[in-house]
Amino acid sequence: MNIRAHSPFRHSGLSFVLATALGVGGCGAATEETSSAPEADIDVAPQTFDAATASLTQIAALQAKDPSSQRARDALRQVEARLDVLNHLVARVETSPGHVVSFYEGVPGMVSVAEKGPRGNARVLAGPDMQKNPVEVYRTLAGGAEPPAALLQAQARAVAAENAPVAETAPDAAQLFAANEEGFGTNGLTLASSDTAKVTSALTADDGPWFQDNGCFKHGDARGCLPNWANGGYAQYNAKTSFLTIAPYSGDWVQVRWQYKGTTIFTDTVYVGQWNDYYGYSAGASCATCGYYVRQVQKHRWDILQASGDGFHWSYSFKWASSCIDQECDAFPW
């Protein structure tokens, strides 16, 4: 499965869009520490996605008590760096200050690309760039520079996976719809413009109507447009491809998590002032009877976590039937 942001690469392969504490002291120090009931240490080098989510939950709780906590900020930066390892980062290009395109290989043969940038910056992975494979995209963004070996090797594994044994028939759309386990949920809070708190940047609650017209997905077998939301949410369907766009406008940051067949494949942090797009797609193979690459229908789930009291605009789209004909399955549903 492949998750990546902004750019559905048709030829990128089968599936697929964060230190430690030292302490010394004698008996007196130990007594003082016990009496002051210190907060639990934050694991800033988590070894799994579940551990990373637990760390982010701790950090969010700490910041809720003290928005200016330097301890929380430092821990968040370290956990984010660890997420690069857990997400299997293989290359990254900064196209302008604060605007980056990252390349991941979540599992062998599953290449993903994510674009993250501030609201107001033009997307660099748009139009014809969406049809390029990750190696070609890297060369374009890096001014012709050769990609690192890790990306070249990941792309080679993706090509090999795409040439795996063919599927015999294309799935029947009616059967897919009947079998769909759909789901969508939020914590039930819609923010009006007067409800924004803490800090606002770039988009605001007042931009909800603008986001609905300009930021929401317009196509897909199942889709939703949800400006002015808070306290988190999720969307899940049995699909071939899935898409999420999110623009936090109040609070600090939220966590985006993507799961495929019940397993976490990717997680990311999105800050107020950023506008991120993510894309996930199922594994598949060339179809012997239909003449093109067919993606499997599997459960896709997107979660927005660590969002208590945070305001954000978001939209989701899932494709599996009528909007998933031939390569249109991989096209961003703008």
C-alpha atoms as a PDB file:
ATOM      1  CA  MET A   1       0.000   0.000   0.000  1.00  0.00           C
ATOM      2  CA  ASN A   2       1.220   3.437  -0.688  1.00  0.00           C
ATOM      3  CA  ILE A   3       0.519   6.645   1.089  1.00  0.00           C
ATOM      4  CA  ARG A   4       1.596   9.891  -0.403  1.00  0.00           C
ATOM      5  CA  ALA A   5       0.633  13.488  -0.543  1.00  0.00           C
ATOM      6  CA  HIS A   6      -0.278  15.485  -3.623  1.00  0.00           C
ATOM      7  CA  SER A   7       0.950  13.006  -6.178  1.00  0.00           C
ATOM      8  CA  PRO A   8      -0.621   9.705  -7.259  1.00  0.00           C
ATOM      9  CA  PHE A   9       2.231   7.992  -9.087  1.00  0.00           C
ATOM     10  CA  ARG A  10       0.790   5.386 -11.377  1.00  0.00           C
ATOM     11  CA  HIS A  11       4.115   3.721 -11.889  1.00  0.00           C
ATOM     12  CA  SER A  12       5.483   3.840  -8.361  1.00  0.00           C
ATOM     13  CA  GLY A  13       4.740   0.208  -7.582  1.00  0.00           C
ATOM     14  CA  LEU A  14       2.412  -1.894  -5.508  1.00  0.00           C
ATOM     15  CA  SER A  15       0.600  -0.285  -2.699  1.00  0.00           C
ATOM     16  CA  PHE A  16       1.077   2.098  -0.208  1.00  0.00           C
ATOM     17  CA  VAL A  17       0.639   9.260   1.453  1.00  0.00           C
ATOM     18  CA  LEU A  18       8.843  11.530  15.802  1.00  0.00           C
ATOM     19  CA  ALA A  19      16.997  11.123  24.098  1.00  0.00           C
ATOM     20  CA  THR A  20      16.734   9.972  26.894  1.00  0.00           C
ATOM     21  CA  ALA A  21      16.487  11.524  30.382  1.00  0.00           C
ATOM     22  CA  LEU A  22      19.421  11.309  32.800  1.00  0.00           C
ATOM     23  CA  GLY A  23      19.051  11.549  36.557  1.00  0.00           C
ATOM     24  CA  VAL A  24      21.513  11.379  39.430  1.00  0.00           C
ATOM     25  CA  GLY A  25      21.176  11.984  43.133  1.00  0.00           C
ATOM     26  CA  GLY A  26      21.412  10.509  46.590  1.00  0.00           C
ATOM     27  CA  CYS A  27      18.731   9.673  49.100  1.00  0.00           C
ATOM     28  CA  GLY A  28      17.705  13.289  49.609  1.00  0.00           C
ATOM     29  CA  ALA A  29      17.238  13.802  45.880  1.00  0.00           C
ATOM     30  CA  ALA A  30      15.202  10.622  45.608  1.00  0.00           C
ATOM     31  CA  THR A  31      12.910  11.708  48.434  1.00  0.00           C
ATOM     32  CA  GLU A  32      12.359  15.099  46.830  1.00  0.00           C
ATOM     33  CA  GLU A  33      11.629  13.508  43.443  1.00  0.00           C
ATOM     34  CA  THR A  34       9.082  11.149  44.943  1.00  0.00           C
ATOM     35  CA  SER A  35       7.313  13.874  46.833  1.00  0.00           C
ATOM     36  CA  SER A  36       7.055  16.122  43.786  1.00  0.00           C
ATOM     37  CA  ALA A  37       5.474  13.326  41.693  1.00  0.00           C
ATOM     38  CA  PRO A  38       7.387  14.086  38.476  1.00  0.00           C
ATOM     39  CA  GLU A  39       5.677  13.584  35.155  1.00  0.00           C
ATOM     40  CA  ALA A  40       6.400  10.334  33.344  1.00  0.00           C
ATOM     41  CA  ASP A  41       9.277  10.366  30.906  1.00  0.00           C
ATOM     42  CA  ILE A  42       8.332  10.731  27.257  1.00  0.00           C
ATOM     43  CA  ASP A  43       9.712   8.074  24.951  1.00  0.00           C
ATOM     44  CA  VAL A  44      11.355  10.273  22.318  1.00  0.00           C
ATOM     45  CA  ALA A  45      12.796   7.316  20.411  1.00  0.00           C
ATOM     46  CA  PRO A  46       9.739   5.072  19.922  1.00  0.00           C
ATOM     47  CA  GLN A  47      10.371   1.771  18.188  1.00  0.00           C
ATOM     48  CA  THR A  48       6.849   1.252  16.820  1.00  0.00           C
ATOM     49  CA  PHE A  49       3.968   3.339  15.485  1.00  0.00           C
ATOM     50  CA  ASP A  50       1.913   2.506  18.574  1.00  0.00           C
ATOM     51  CA  ALA A  51       4.716   3.738  20.812  1.00  0.00           C
ATOM     52  CA  ALA A  52       5.009   6.903  18.699  1.00  0.00           C
ATOM     53  CA  THR A  53       1.285   7.577  19.094  1.00  0.00           C
ATOM     54  CA  ALA A  54       1.614   7.085  22.848  1.00  0.00           C
ATOM     55  CA  SER A  55       4.465   9.610  22.920  1.00  0.00           C
ATOM     56  CA  LEU A  56       2.498  12.117  20.870  1.00  0.00           C
ATOM     57  CA  THR A  57      -0.452  11.664  23.223  1.00  0.00           C
ATOM     58  CA  GLN A  58       1.796  12.495  26.197  1.00  0.00           C
ATOM     59  CA  ILE A  59       3.181  15.544  24.416  1.00  0.00           C
ATOM     60  CA  ALA A  60      -0.278  16.805  23.505  1.00  0.00           C
ATOM     61  CA  ALA A  61      -1.434  16.416  27.121  1.00  0.00           C
ATOM     62  CA  LEU A  62       1.631  18.290  28.369  1.00  0.00           C
ATOM     63  CA  GLN A  63       1.041  21.129  25.922  1.00  0.00           C
ATOM     64  CA  ALA A  64      -2.621  21.300  26.905  1.00  0.00           C
ATOM     65  CA  LYS A  65      -1.487  22.073  30.459  1.00  0.00           C
ATOM     66  CA  ASP A  66       1.341  24.372  29.391  1.00  0.00           C
ATOM     67  CA  PRO A  67       1.257  25.589  25.767  1.00  0.00           C
ATOM     68  CA  SER A  68       4.708  27.128  26.180  1.00  0.00           C
ATOM     69  CA  SER A  69       6.348  23.945  27.532  1.00  0.00           C
ATOM     70  CA  GLN A  70       9.879  23.695  26.177  1.00  0.00           C
ATOM     71  CA  ARG A  71      10.006  20.063  27.268  1.00  0.00           C
ATOM     72  CA  ALA A  72       7.012  19.284  25.075  1.00  0.00           C
ATOM     73  CA  ARG A  73       8.467  21.156  22.077  1.00  0.00           C
ATOM     74  CA  ASP A  74      11.821  19.406  22.376  1.00  0.00           C
ATOM     75  CA  ALA A  75      10.180  15.990  22.720  1.00  0.00           C
ATOM     76  CA  LEU A  76       7.937  16.616  19.722  1.00  0.00           C
ATOM     77  CA  ARG A  77      10.886  17.446  17.482  1.00  0.00           C
ATOM     78  CA  GLN A  78      12.670  14.268  18.556  1.00  0.00           C
ATOM     79  CA  VAL A  79       9.603  12.085  18.022  1.00  0.00           C
ATOM     80  CA  GLU A  80       9.063  13.643  14.591  1.00  0.00           C
ATOM     81  CA  ALA A  81      12.635  12.753  13.682  1.00  0.00           C
ATOM     82  CA  ARG A  82      11.961   9.204  14.788  1.00  0.00           C
ATOM     83  CA  LEU A  83       8.865   9.082  12.568  1.00  0.00           C
ATOM     84  CA  ASP A  84      11.164   9.501   9.574  1.00  0.00           C
ATOM     85  CA  VAL A  85      12.735   6.194  10.592  1.00  0.00           C
ATOM     86  CA  LEU A  86       9.420   4.427  11.264  1.00  0.00           C
ATOM     87  CA  ASN A  87       7.987   5.720   7.960  1.00  0.00           C
ATOM     88  CA  HIS A  88      11.190   4.552   6.192  1.00  0.00           C
ATOM     89  CA  LEU A  89      12.247   7.867   4.695  1.00  0.00           C
ATOM     90  CA  VAL A  90      14.532   7.294   1.682  1.00  0.00           C
ATOM     91  CA  ALA A  91      14.866  10.826   0.255  1.00  0.00           C
ATOM     92  CA  ARG A  92      13.732  14.403   0.843  1.00  0.00           C
ATOM     93  CA  VAL A  93      13.827  17.605  -1.198  1.00  0.00           C
ATOM     94  CA  GLU A  94      13.191  21.111   0.154  1.00  0.00           C
ATOM     95  CA  THR A  95      11.736  23.103  -2.728  1.00  0.00           C
ATOM     96  CA  SER A  96      11.520  26.337  -0.717  1.00  0.00           C
ATOM     97  CA  PRO A  97      11.911  27.209   2.975  1.00  0.00           C
ATOM     98  CA  GLY A  98       9.494  25.047   4.949  1.00  0.00           C
ATOM     99  CA  HIS A  99       8.158  23.293   1.833  1.00  0.00           C
ATOM    100  CA  VAL A 100       9.381  19.708   1.494  1.00  0.00           C
ATOM    101  CA  VAL A 101       8.673  16.616  -0.568  1.00  0.00           C
ATOM    102  CA  SER A 102       9.524  13.347   1.176  1.00  0.00           C
ATOM    103  CA  PHE A 103       9.880   9.858  -0.289  1.00  0.00           C
ATOM    104  CA  TYR A 104       9.134   6.768   1.811  1.00  0.00           C
ATOM    105  CA  GLU A 105       9.243   3.005   1.391  1.00  0.00           C
ATOM    106  CA  GLY A 106       6.831   1.802   4.050  1.00  0.00           C
ATOM    107  CA  VAL A 107       7.470  -1.814   3.134  1.00  0.00           C
ATOM    108  CA  PRO A 108       9.635  -3.194   0.319  1.00  0.00           C
ATOM    109  CA  GLY A 109       8.094  -2.364  -3.036  1.00  0.00           C
ATOM    110  CA  MET A 110       5.690   0.216  -1.604  1.00  0.00           C
ATOM    111  CA  VAL A 111       6.981   3.690  -2.460  1.00  0.00           C
ATOM    112  CA  SER A 112       5.206   6.774  -1.155  1.00  0.00           C
ATOM    113  CA  VAL A 113       5.599  10.502  -1.615  1.00  0.00           C
ATOM    114  CA  ALA A 114       4.330  13.260   0.680  1.00  0.00           C
ATOM    115  CA  GLU A 115       4.316  17.009   0.155  1.00  0.00           C
ATOM    116  CA  LYS A 116       4.148  19.340   3.137  1.00  0.00           C
ATOM    117  CA  GLY A 117       4.121  23.097   2.941  1.00  0.00           C
ATOM    118  CA  PRO A 118       2.593  26.288   4.267  1.00  0.00           C
ATOM    119  CA  ARG A 119      -0.758  27.547   3.091  1.00  0.00           C
ATOM    120  CA  GLY A 120      -0.154  29.961   0.227  1.00  0.00           C
ATOM    121  CA  ASN A 121       2.706  28.015  -1.344  1.00  0.00           C
ATOM    122  CA  ALA A 122       1.858  26.512  -4.711  1.00  0.00           C
ATOM    123  CA  ARG A 123       1.870  22.709  -4.809  1.00  0.00           C
ATOM    124  CA  VAL A 124       4.910  21.383  -6.618  1.00  0.00           C
ATOM    125  CA  LEU A 125       3.400  17.939  -7.281  1.00  0.00           C
ATOM    126  CA  ALA A 126       0.574  18.938  -9.543  1.00  0.00           C
ATOM    127  CA  GLY A 127      -0.590  18.344 -13.086  1.00  0.00           C
ATOM    128  CA  PRO A 128       1.758  16.197 -15.204  1.00  0.00           C
ATOM    129  CA  ASP A 129       4.057  15.641 -12.225  1.00  0.00           C
ATOM    130  CA  MET A 130       1.431  13.337 -10.754  1.00  0.00           C
ATOM    131  CA  GLN A 131       2.051  10.858 -13.559  1.00  0.00           C
ATOM    132  CA  LYS A 132       5.781  10.546 -12.958  1.00  0.00           C
ATOM    133  CA  ASN A 133       7.414   7.851 -10.872  1.00  0.00           C
ATOM    134  CA  PRO A 134       9.192   8.927  -7.659  1.00  0.00           C
ATOM    135  CA  VAL A 135      12.689   8.843  -9.194  1.00  0.00           C
ATOM    136  CA  GLU A 136      11.600  11.169 -12.005  1.00  0.00           C
ATOM    137  CA  VAL A 137       9.881  13.463  -9.526  1.00  0.00           C
ATOM    138  CA  TYR A 138      13.011  13.675  -7.392  1.00  0.00           C
ATOM    139  CA  ARG A 139      15.142  14.592 -10.405  1.00  0.00           C
ATOM    140  CA  THR A 140      12.661  17.283 -11.437  1.00  0.00           C
ATOM    141  CA  LEU A 141      12.469  18.842  -7.981  1.00  0.00           C
ATOM    142  CA  ALA A 142      16.214  18.579  -7.366  1.00  0.00           C
ATOM    143  CA  GLY A 143      17.154  20.286 -10.625  1.00  0.00           C
ATOM    144  CA  GLY A 144      18.299  17.111 -12.336  1.00  0.00           C
ATOM    145  CA  ALA A 145      20.364  15.809  -9.434  1.00  0.00           C
ATOM    146  CA  GLU A 146      20.602  12.035  -9.136  1.00  0.00           C
ATOM    147  CA  PRO A 147      18.456  10.552  -6.338  1.00  0.00           C
ATOM    148  CA  PRO A 148      20.120   8.835  -3.396  1.00  0.00           C
ATOM    149  CA  ALA A 149      20.735   5.112  -3.753  1.00  0.00           C
ATOM    150  CA  ALA A 150      17.979   4.302  -1.246  1.00  0.00           C
ATOM    151  CA  LEU A 151      15.323   5.839  -3.496  1.00  0.00           C
ATOM    152  CA  LEU A 152      16.684   4.139  -6.625  1.00  0.00           C
ATOM    153  CA  GLN A 153      16.617   0.779  -4.855  1.00  0.00           C
ATOM    154  CA  ALA A 154      13.089   1.391  -3.528  1.00  0.00           C
ATOM    155  CA  GLN A 155      11.851   2.235  -7.015  1.00  0.00           C
ATOM    156  CA  ALA A 156      13.460  -0.920  -8.423  1.00  0.00           C
ATOM    157  CA  ARG A 157      11.591  -3.010  -5.858  1.00  0.00           C
ATOM    158  CA  ALA A 158       8.345  -1.175  -6.699  1.00  0.00           C
ATOM    159  CA  VAL A 159       8.728  -1.954 -10.411  1.00  0.00           C
ATOM    160  CA  ALA A 160       9.396  -5.609  -9.610  1.00  0.00           C
ATOM    161  CA  ALA A 161       6.277  -5.731  -7.448  1.00  0.00           C
ATOM    162  CA  GLU A 162       4.166  -4.167 -10.188  1.00  0.00           C
ATOM    163  CA  ASN A 163       5.259  -6.944 -12.548  1.00  0.00           C
ATOM    164  CA  ALA A 164       4.030  -9.618 -10.142  1.00  0.00           C
ATOM    165  CA  PRO A 165       1.578 -12.330 -11.353  1.00  0.00           C
ATOM    166  CA  VAL A 166      -1.500 -10.869 -12.979  1.00  0.00           C
ATOM    167  CA  ALA A 167      -5.004 -10.768 -11.577  1.00  0.00           C
ATOM    168  CA  GLU A 168      -7.392 -12.855 -13.658  1.00  0.00           C
ATOM    169  CA  THR A 169     -10.429 -10.568 -13.615  1.00  0.00           C
ATOM    170  CA  ALA A 170     -11.402  -7.094 -12.570  1.00  0.00           C
ATOM    171  CA  PRO A 171     -13.622  -6.872  -9.440  1.00  0.00           C
ATOM    172  CA  ASP A 172     -17.346  -6.295  -9.969  1.00  0.00           C
ATOM    173  CA  ALA A 173     -18.339  -2.790  -8.843  1.00  0.00           C
ATOM    174  CA  ALA A 174     -21.760  -3.851  -7.501  1.00  0.00           C
ATOM    175  CA  GLN A 175     -20.183  -6.551  -5.352  1.00  0.00           C
ATOM    176  CA  LEU A 176     -17.629  -4.096  -4.033  1.00  0.00           C
ATOM    177  CA  PHE A 177     -20.336  -1.662  -2.984  1.00  0.00           C
ATOM    178  CA  ALA A 178     -22.403  -4.358  -1.295  1.00  0.00           C
ATOM    179  CA  ALA A 179     -19.409  -5.583   0.670  1.00  0.00           C
ATOM    180  CA  ASN A 180     -18.183  -2.133   1.694  1.00  0.00           C
ATOM    181  CA  GLU A 181     -17.634  -1.627   5.396  1.00  0.00           C
ATOM    182  CA  GLU A 182     -17.975   2.110   5.422  1.00  0.00           C
ATOM    183  CA  GLY A 183     -17.441   4.436   8.302  1.00  0.00           C
ATOM    184  CA  PHE A 184     -17.000   8.072   9.179  1.00  0.00           C
ATOM    185  CA  GLY A 185     -16.880   9.776  12.520  1.00  0.00           C
ATOM    186  CA  THR A 186     -15.871  12.830  14.472  1.00  0.00           C
ATOM    187  CA  ASN A 187     -16.051  13.736  18.107  1.00  0.00           C
ATOM    188  CA  GLY A 188     -19.152  15.743  17.381  1.00  0.00           C
ATOM    189  CA  LEU A 189     -17.867  19.304  17.635  1.00  0.00           C
ATOM    190  CA  THR A 190     -18.140  21.872  14.875  1.00  0.00           C
ATOM    191  CA  LEU A 191     -16.340  25.168  15.483  1.00  0.00           C
ATOM    192  CA  ALA A 192     -17.838  28.499  14.585  1.00  0.00           C
ATOM    193  CA  SER A 193     -15.503  31.406  13.875  1.00  0.00           C
ATOM    194  CA  SER A 194     -15.956  32.716  17.413  1.00  0.00           C
ATOM    195  CA  ASP A 195     -14.749  29.414  18.889  1.00  0.00           C
ATOM    196  CA  THR A 196     -11.167  29.550  17.631  1.00  0.00           C
ATOM    197  CA  ALA A 197      -8.656  29.516  20.434  1.00  0.00           C
ATOM    198  CA  LYS A 198      -4.934  29.771  21.197  1.00  0.00           C
ATOM    199  CA  VAL A 199      -3.439  30.880  17.891  1.00  0.00           C
ATOM    200  CA  THR A 200      -4.679  31.126  14.328  1.00  0.00           C
ATOM    201  CA  SER A 201      -2.539  31.199  11.215  1.00  0.00           C
ATOM    202  CA  ALA A 202      -3.078  31.019   7.465  1.00  0.00           C
ATOM    203  CA  LEU A 203      -6.590  29.590   7.136  1.00  0.00           C
ATOM    204  CA  THR A 204      -9.041  30.497   9.900  1.00  0.00           C
ATOM    205  CA  ALA A 205     -12.491  29.344  10.950  1.00  0.00           C
ATOM    206  CA  ASP A 206     -13.927  32.102   8.779  1.00  0.00           C
ATOM    207  CA  ASP A 207     -12.310  30.384   5.768  1.00  0.00           C
ATOM    208  CA  GLY A 208     -14.614  27.370   6.104  1.00  0.00           C
ATOM    209  CA  PRO A 209     -16.777  28.336   3.099  1.00  0.00           C
ATOM    210  CA  TRP A 210     -13.655  29.079   1.052  1.00  0.00           C
ATOM    211  CA  PHE A 211     -12.192  25.676   1.952  1.00  0.00           C
ATOM    212  CA  GLN A 212     -15.443  23.976   0.976  1.00  0.00           C
ATOM    213  CA  ASP A 213     -15.260  25.567  -2.466  1.00  0.00           C
ATOM    214  CA  ASN A 214     -11.511  25.267  -3.056  1.00  0.00           C
ATOM    215  CA  GLY A 215     -10.024  22.632  -0.769  1.00  0.00           C
ATOM    216  CA  CYS A 216     -12.497  19.770  -0.672  1.00  0.00           C
ATOM    217  CA  PHE A 217     -12.411  16.701  -2.887  1.00  0.00           C
ATOM    218  CA  LYS A 218     -15.005  16.791  -5.653  1.00  0.00           C
ATOM    219  CA  HIS A 219     -14.906  13.153  -6.793  1.00  0.00           C
ATOM    220  CA  GLY A 220     -14.901   9.656  -5.317  1.00  0.00           C
ATOM    221  CA  ASP A 221     -17.280   6.783  -4.562  1.00  0.00           C
ATOM    222  CA  ALA A 222     -17.419   8.045  -0.974  1.00  0.00           C
ATOM    223  CA  ARG A 223     -16.299  11.509   0.056  1.00  0.00           C
ATOM    224  CA  GLY A 224     -16.858  14.162   2.675  1.00  0.00           C
ATOM    225  CA  CYS A 225     -16.112  17.855   3.092  1.00  0.00           C
ATOM    226  CA  LEU A 226     -15.836  18.993   6.709  1.00  0.00           C
ATOM    227  CA  PRO A 227     -14.703  22.571   7.306  1.00  0.00           C
ATOM    228  CA  ASN A 228     -14.586  23.922  10.860  1.00  0.00           C
ATOM    229  CA  TRP A 229     -14.118  20.690  12.788  1.00  0.00           C
ATOM    230  CA  ALA A 230     -12.374  19.995  16.077  1.00  0.00           C
ATOM    231  CA  ASN A 231     -11.454  17.202  18.488  1.00  0.00           C
ATOM    232  CA  GLY A 232     -10.412  14.685  15.821  1.00  0.00           C
ATOM    233  CA  GLY A 233     -12.181  12.316  13.491  1.00  0.00           C
ATOM    234  CA  TYR A 234     -11.795   9.336  11.182  1.00  0.00           C
ATOM    235  CA  ALA A 235     -12.956   7.974   7.848  1.00  0.00           C
ATOM    236  CA  GLN A 236     -12.738   4.358   6.669  1.00  0.00           C
ATOM    237  CA  TYR A 237     -14.008   2.381   3.689  1.00  0.00           C
ATOM    238  CA  ASN A 238     -13.105  -0.720   1.735  1.00  0.00           C
ATOM    239  CA  ALA A 239     -11.425   0.928  -1.230  1.00  0.00           C
ATOM    240  CA  LYS A 240      -8.685   0.770  -3.829  1.00  0.00           C
ATOM    241  CA  THR A 241      -7.414   4.292  -3.211  1.00  0.00           C
ATOM    242  CA  SER A 242      -8.061   6.897  -0.531  1.00  0.00           C
ATOM    243  CA  PHE A 243      -7.273  10.563  -0.037  1.00  0.00           C
ATOM    244  CA  LEU A 244      -7.138  13.021   2.858  1.00  0.00           C
ATOM    245  CA  THR A 245      -6.553  16.775   2.926  1.00  0.00           C
ATOM    246  CA  ILE A 246      -6.266  18.748   6.166  1.00  0.00           C
ATOM    247  CA  ALA A 247      -5.571  22.362   7.123  1.00  0.00           C
ATOM    248  CA  PRO A 248      -5.365  23.048  10.886  1.00  0.00           C
ATOM    249  CA  TYR A 249      -6.203  26.643  11.739  1.00  0.00           C
ATOM    250  CA  SER A 250      -6.223  26.857  15.543  1.00  0.00           C
ATOM    251  CA  GLY A 251      -4.318  25.183  18.336  1.00  0.00           C
ATOM    252  CA  ASP A 252      -0.846  23.839  17.591  1.00  0.00           C
ATOM    253  CA  TRP A 253      -0.610  20.521  15.699  1.00  0.00           C
ATOM    254  CA  VAL A 254      -2.543  17.338  14.984  1.00  0.00           C
ATOM    255  CA  GLN A 255      -1.500  13.793  14.131  1.00  0.00           C
ATOM    256  CA  VAL A 256      -2.562  12.127  10.873  1.00  0.00           C
ATOM    257  CA  ARG A 257      -2.474   8.322  10.772  1.00  0.00           C
ATOM    258  CA  TRP A 258      -3.145   6.044   7.834  1.00  0.00           C
ATOM    259  CA  GLN A 259      -3.960   2.338   8.258  1.00  0.00           C
ATOM    260  CA  TYR A 260      -4.209  -0.343   5.586  1.00  0.00           C
ATOM    261  CA  LYS A 261      -5.969  -3.618   6.408  1.00  0.00           C
ATOM    262  CA  GLY A 262      -5.860  -2.635  10.074  1.00  0.00           C
ATOM    263  CA  THR A 263      -2.113  -1.970  10.174  1.00  0.00           C
ATOM    264  CA  THR A 264      -0.547   1.457  10.587  1.00  0.00           C
ATOM    265  CA  ILE A 265       1.603   2.245   7.556  1.00  0.00           C
ATOM    266  CA  PHE A 266       2.258   5.951   8.029  1.00  0.00           C
ATOM    267  CA  THR A 267       1.814   8.745  10.566  1.00  0.00           C
ATOM    268  CA  ASP A 268       2.606  12.440  10.402  1.00  0.00           C
ATOM    269  CA  THR A 269       2.233  15.692  12.325  1.00  0.00           C
ATOM    270  CA  VAL A 270       0.524  18.709  10.747  1.00  0.00           C
ATOM    271  CA  TYR A 271       0.901  22.192  12.200  1.00  0.00           C
ATOM    272  CA  VAL A 272      -1.357  25.219  12.162  1.00  0.00           C
ATOM    273  CA  GLY A 273      -0.546  27.129   8.987  1.00  0.00           C
ATOM    274  CA  GLN A 274       0.168  24.012   6.937  1.00  0.00           C
ATOM    275  CA  TRP A 275      -2.093  22.390   4.376  1.00  0.00           C
ATOM    276  CA  ASN A 276      -1.266  18.749   3.693  1.00  0.00           C
ATOM    277  CA  ASP A 277      -2.661  16.252   1.199  1.00  0.00           C
ATOM    278  CA  TYR A 278      -2.245  12.487   1.553  1.00  0.00           C
ATOM    279  CA  TYR A 279      -2.934   9.595  -0.794  1.00  0.00           C
ATOM    280  CA  GLY A 280      -3.015   5.867  -0.045  1.00  0.00           C
ATOM    281  CA  TYR A 281      -3.495   3.019  -2.493  1.00  0.00           C
ATOM    282  CA  SER A 282      -3.900  -0.720  -2.334  1.00  0.00           C
ATOM    283  CA  ALA A 283      -1.653  -3.399  -3.752  1.00  0.00           C
ATOM    284  CA  GLY A 284      -2.526  -4.947  -7.078  1.00  0.00           C
ATOM    285  CA  ALA A 285      -1.216  -6.407 -10.317  1.00  0.00           C
ATOM    286  CA  SER A 286      -1.744  -6.257 -14.069  1.00  0.00           C
ATOM    287  CA  CYS A 287      -5.129  -7.645 -15.086  1.00  0.00           C
ATOM    288  CA  ALA A 288      -5.062 -10.363 -17.748  1.00  0.00           C
ATOM    289  CA  THR A 289      -8.613  -9.788 -18.996  1.00  0.00           C
ATOM    290  CA  CYS A 290      -8.989  -6.013 -18.588  1.00  0.00           C
ATOM    291  CA  GLY A 291      -5.612  -4.884 -19.876  1.00  0.00           C
ATOM    292  CA  TYR A 292      -4.512  -2.563 -17.100  1.00  0.00           C
ATOM    293  CA  TYR A 293      -3.198  -2.479 -13.557  1.00  0.00           C
ATOM    294  CA  VAL A 294      -5.887  -3.429 -11.012  1.00  0.00           C
ATOM    295  CA  ARG A 295      -5.754  -2.458  -7.363  1.00  0.00           C
ATOM    296  CA  GLN A 296      -7.235  -4.655  -4.671  1.00  0.00           C
ATOM    297  CA  VAL A 297     -10.147  -3.553  -2.503  1.00  0.00           C
ATOM    298  CA  GLN A 298      -8.941  -3.384   1.099  1.00  0.00           C
ATOM    299  CA  LYS A 299      -9.877  -1.449   4.204  1.00  0.00           C
ATOM    300  CA  HIS A 300      -8.394   2.062   4.296  1.00  0.00           C
ATOM    301  CA  ARG A 301      -8.682   4.210   7.412  1.00  0.00           C
ATOM    302  CA  TRP A 302      -7.575   7.785   8.105  1.00  0.00           C
ATOM    303  CA  ASP A 303      -7.475   9.138  11.670  1.00  0.00           C
ATOM    304  CA  ILE A 304      -6.943  12.668  12.956  1.00  0.00           C
ATOM    305  CA  LEU A 305      -5.550  12.364  16.473  1.00  0.00           C
ATOM    306  CA  GLN A 306      -4.168  14.630  19.236  1.00  0.00           C
ATOM    307  CA  ALA A 307      -6.735  17.239  18.172  1.00  0.00           C
ATOM    308  CA  SER A 308      -8.569  18.055  21.401  1.00  0.00           C
ATOM    309  CA  GLY A 309      -9.513  21.723  21.213  1.00  0.00           C
ATOM    310  CA  ASP A 310      -7.796  22.167  17.839  1.00  0.00           C
ATOM    311  CA  GLY A 311      -9.706  23.512  14.854  1.00  0.00           C
ATOM    312  CA  PHE A 312      -9.145  22.214  11.333  1.00  0.00           C
ATOM    313  CA  HIS A 313     -10.722  21.916   7.900  1.00  0.00           C
ATOM    314  CA  TRP A 314     -10.589  18.468   6.303  1.00  0.00           C
ATOM    315  CA  SER A 315     -11.911  16.384   3.445  1.00  0.00           C
ATOM    316  CA  TYR A 316     -11.691  12.707   2.483  1.00  0.00           C
ATOM    317  CA  SER A 317     -12.355  10.641  -0.642  1.00  0.00           C
ATOM    318  CA  PHE A 318     -12.375   6.887  -1.313  1.00  0.00           C
ATOM    319  CA  LYS A 319     -12.436   5.174  -4.711  1.00  0.00           C
ATOM    320  CA  TRP A 320     -13.361   1.571  -5.478  1.00  0.00           C
ATOM    321  CA  ALA A 321     -16.085   1.404  -8.153  1.00  0.00           C
ATOM    322  CA  SER A 322     -17.438   3.967 -10.625  1.00  0.00           C
ATOM    323  CA  SER A 323     -14.665   6.486  -9.972  1.00  0.00           C
ATOM    324  CA  CYS A 324     -11.953   3.829 -10.119  1.00  0.00           C
ATOM    325  CA  ILE A 325     -11.904   2.916 -13.808  1.00  0.00           C
ATOM    326  CA  ASP A 326      -8.474   2.242 -15.279  1.00  0.00           C
ATOM    327  CA  GLN A 327      -5.830   4.698 -14.024  1.00  0.00           C
ATOM    328  CA  GLU A 328      -8.502   7.119 -12.798  1.00  0.00           C
ATOM    329  CA  CYS A 329      -8.278   5.115  -9.608  1.00  0.00           C
ATOM    330  CA  ASP A 330      -4.959   6.847  -8.919  1.00  0.00           C
ATOM    331  CA  ALA A 331      -5.968  10.353  -9.976  1.00  0.00           C
ATOM    332  CA  PHE A 332      -6.287  12.960  -7.232  1.00  0.00           C
ATOM    333  CA  PRO A 333     -10.049  13.698  -6.870  1.00  0.00           C
ATOM    334  CA  TRP A 334      -9.964  17.499  -7.047  1.00  0.00           C
END
